[in-house]
Amino acid sequence: MLAVTALAARSVALAGFGLDSLIEIGASTVVLWELADVAETRRRQAMKLIGAAFVGLAIYLFVQSTVVLAVGFRPRHSLAGIVWTAMTAVTMFVLARGKSLTGSALDNPVLRTEGRVTFVDGVLASSVLLGLVLNAVVGWWWADPATGYVLVYYGVREASSAIAR
């Protein structure tokens, strides 16, 4: 649904958030893999996999947002994108809290990191939502690619945190 909405709106922010959502699914899969065998080697590998995914996201969004701003490409309005992103933000914040508490209770750094990843997804959804609303209500077309830079910042920050562990 999000991919269709992003394509229809020609929105860098929605596309980036969709990719971030795929990273979230991948990170969750990595956490399950890591929990199956909590050896320290597997834990380090899991953190590096999550970090590498964020590096890829940051590179893609930096390039895409820069190109869109440089050429003045204007995304369309997307009510479906606004509704979807608002629901996603609420869901991500609730999930982040649960993952963080569980990770702390189990003293599992990978699960705690996954909780931070999910929290970042909530922040990113909120940022994308703001960009979409500003584009739709005020006509600030540049808010969409500018939101891409917010995603870049968080992607780099989370990648650094995950890889450093």
Protein backbone atom coordinates (compact mmCIF):
# COMPACT_ATOMS: atom_id res chain seq x y z
CA MET A 1 0.00 0.00 0.00
CA LEU A 2 2.76 2.45 0.97
CA ALA A 3 4.73 1.78 -2.21
CA VAL A 4 1.67 2.46 -4.37
CA THR A 5 0.94 5.64 -2.41
CA ALA A 6 4.56 6.81 -2.70
CA LEU A 7 4.60 6.22 -6.46
CA ALA A 8 1.24 7.91 -6.98
CA ALA A 9 2.32 10.96 -4.98
CA ARG A 10 5.88 10.89 -6.39
CA SER A 11 7.02 11.41 -2.82
CA VAL A 12 10.65 10.91 -1.79
CA ALA A 13 9.64 10.97 1.86
CA LEU A 14 7.00 8.26 1.46
CA ALA A 15 9.36 6.11 -0.62
CA GLY A 16 12.12 6.54 1.95
CA PHE A 17 9.77 5.70 4.76
CA GLY A 18 8.68 2.60 2.84
CA LEU A 19 12.31 1.52 2.56
CA ASP A 20 12.77 2.22 6.25
CA SER A 21 9.77 -0.01 6.94
CA LEU A 22 11.46 -2.80 4.98
CA ILE A 23 14.56 -2.28 7.13
CA GLU A 24 12.34 -2.57 10.22
CA ILE A 25 11.02 -5.91 8.97
CA GLY A 26 14.56 -7.04 8.19
CA ALA A 27 15.80 -5.89 11.59
CA SER A 28 12.99 -7.80 13.28
CA THR A 29 14.01 -10.90 11.34
CA VAL A 30 17.63 -10.38 12.42
CA VAL A 31 16.49 -10.09 16.05
CA LEU A 32 14.61 -13.39 15.79
CA TRP A 33 17.70 -14.99 14.24
CA GLU A 34 19.89 -13.59 17.02
CA LEU A 35 17.51 -14.71 19.76
CA ALA A 36 17.70 -18.29 18.45
CA ASP A 37 21.38 -18.39 19.51
CA VAL A 38 22.59 -15.64 21.82
CA ALA A 39 26.29 -16.27 21.18
CA GLU A 40 28.28 -13.03 21.18
CA THR A 41 29.46 -13.64 17.59
CA ARG A 42 25.90 -13.82 16.35
CA ARG A 43 24.99 -10.73 18.36
CA ARG A 44 27.79 -8.69 16.71
CA GLN A 45 26.76 -9.96 13.27
CA ALA A 46 23.16 -8.99 13.93
CA MET A 47 24.15 -5.45 14.94
CA LYS A 48 26.32 -5.05 11.83
CA LEU A 49 23.48 -6.26 9.57
CA ILE A 50 21.09 -3.72 11.06
CA GLY A 51 23.71 -0.98 10.75
CA ALA A 52 24.46 -1.83 7.11
CA ALA A 53 20.77 -1.56 6.22
CA PHE A 54 20.66 1.94 7.71
CA VAL A 55 23.77 2.97 5.78
CA GLY A 56 22.07 1.93 2.54
CA LEU A 57 18.92 3.85 3.46
CA ALA A 58 20.88 7.01 4.31
CA ILE A 59 22.82 6.93 1.02
CA TYR A 60 19.68 6.40 -1.06
CA LEU A 61 17.74 9.16 0.66
CA PHE A 62 20.60 11.66 0.56
CA VAL A 63 21.04 11.21 -3.19
CA GLN A 64 17.31 11.14 -3.95
CA SER A 65 16.46 14.17 -1.79
CA THR A 66 19.34 16.18 -3.26
CA VAL A 67 18.31 15.39 -6.84
CA VAL A 68 14.64 16.22 -6.15
CA LEU A 69 15.54 19.56 -4.54
CA ALA A 70 18.06 20.43 -7.26
CA VAL A 71 15.60 19.92 -10.11
CA GLY A 72 12.57 21.29 -8.24
CA PHE A 73 10.53 18.12 -8.63
CA ARG A 74 7.15 18.66 -6.96
CA PRO A 75 5.40 15.71 -5.31
CA ARG A 76 1.62 15.44 -5.43
CA HIS A 77 -0.67 15.56 -2.40
CA SER A 78 -1.50 12.22 -0.83
CA LEU A 79 -4.38 11.88 1.62
CA ALA A 80 -3.82 8.11 1.69
CA GLY A 81 -0.15 8.71 2.53
CA ILE A 82 -1.11 11.10 5.33
CA VAL A 83 -3.58 8.64 6.90
CA TRP A 84 -1.25 5.66 6.51
CA THR A 85 1.72 7.51 7.97
CA ALA A 86 -0.29 8.83 10.94
CA MET A 87 -1.46 5.30 11.81
CA THR A 88 2.06 3.98 11.36
CA ALA A 89 3.54 6.60 13.71
CA VAL A 90 1.19 5.65 16.55
CA THR A 91 1.81 1.93 16.02
CA MET A 92 5.60 2.34 15.92
CA PHE A 93 5.71 4.25 19.21
CA VAL A 94 3.65 1.54 20.95
CA LEU A 95 5.80 -1.26 19.49
CA ALA A 96 9.02 0.56 20.37
CA ARG A 97 8.02 0.77 24.01
CA GLY A 98 7.22 -2.95 24.13
CA LYS A 99 10.48 -3.98 22.45
CA SER A 100 12.53 -1.70 24.69
CA LEU A 101 10.96 -3.06 27.86
CA THR A 102 11.38 -6.66 26.70
CA GLY A 103 15.00 -6.04 25.65
CA SER A 104 15.77 -4.52 29.05
CA ALA A 105 14.04 -7.36 30.90
CA LEU A 106 16.05 -9.93 28.91
CA ASP A 107 19.24 -7.79 29.03
CA ASN A 108 19.45 -8.21 25.25
CA PRO A 109 21.23 -5.37 23.41
CA VAL A 110 19.97 -6.48 19.99
CA LEU A 111 16.34 -6.34 21.12
CA ARG A 112 16.93 -2.98 22.83
CA THR A 113 18.47 -1.70 19.58
CA GLU A 114 15.48 -3.03 17.68
CA GLY A 115 13.30 -1.04 20.09
CA ARG A 116 15.31 2.10 19.20
CA VAL A 117 14.94 1.28 15.51
CA THR A 118 11.19 1.05 15.96
CA PHE A 119 11.14 4.32 17.94
CA VAL A 120 13.09 5.96 15.11
CA ASP A 121 10.45 4.60 12.72
CA GLY A 122 7.84 6.44 14.79
CA VAL A 123 9.88 9.64 14.67
CA LEU A 124 10.40 9.21 10.95
CA ALA A 125 6.71 8.56 10.37
CA SER A 126 5.95 11.76 12.27
CA SER A 127 8.49 13.66 10.18
CA VAL A 128 7.14 12.26 6.92
CA LEU A 129 3.63 13.10 8.10
CA LEU A 130 4.67 16.70 8.74
CA GLY A 131 6.23 16.94 5.26
CA LEU A 132 3.13 15.50 3.61
CA VAL A 133 0.81 17.82 5.53
CA LEU A 134 2.95 20.89 4.77
CA ASN A 135 2.93 19.97 1.08
CA ALA A 136 -0.83 19.37 1.02
CA VAL A 137 -1.98 22.26 3.21
CA VAL A 138 0.57 25.04 2.66
CA GLY A 139 1.99 23.94 -0.71
CA TRP A 140 5.55 23.62 0.58
CA TRP A 141 6.65 21.03 -2.02
CA TRP A 142 10.22 21.13 -0.70
CA ALA A 143 9.05 19.78 2.69
CA ASP A 144 8.84 16.30 1.14
CA PRO A 145 12.51 16.00 0.08
CA ALA A 146 13.59 17.95 3.18
CA THR A 147 11.98 15.19 5.21
CA GLY A 148 14.31 12.83 3.36
CA TYR A 149 17.24 14.58 5.06
CA VAL A 150 15.66 13.96 8.46
CA LEU A 151 15.55 10.28 7.54
CA VAL A 152 19.22 10.47 6.46
CA TYR A 153 20.21 11.90 9.84
CA TYR A 154 18.47 9.15 11.78
CA GLY A 155 19.71 6.47 9.40
CA VAL A 156 23.33 7.54 9.90
CA ARG A 157 22.87 7.84 13.66
CA GLU A 158 21.34 4.39 14.00
CA ALA A 159 23.89 2.84 11.64
CA SER A 160 26.75 4.28 13.73
CA SER A 161 25.18 3.05 16.93
CA ALA A 162 24.54 -0.47 15.63
CA ILE A 163 27.91 -0.93 13.94
CA ALA A 164 29.86 0.41 16.92
CA ARG A 165 28.52 -2.32 19.20
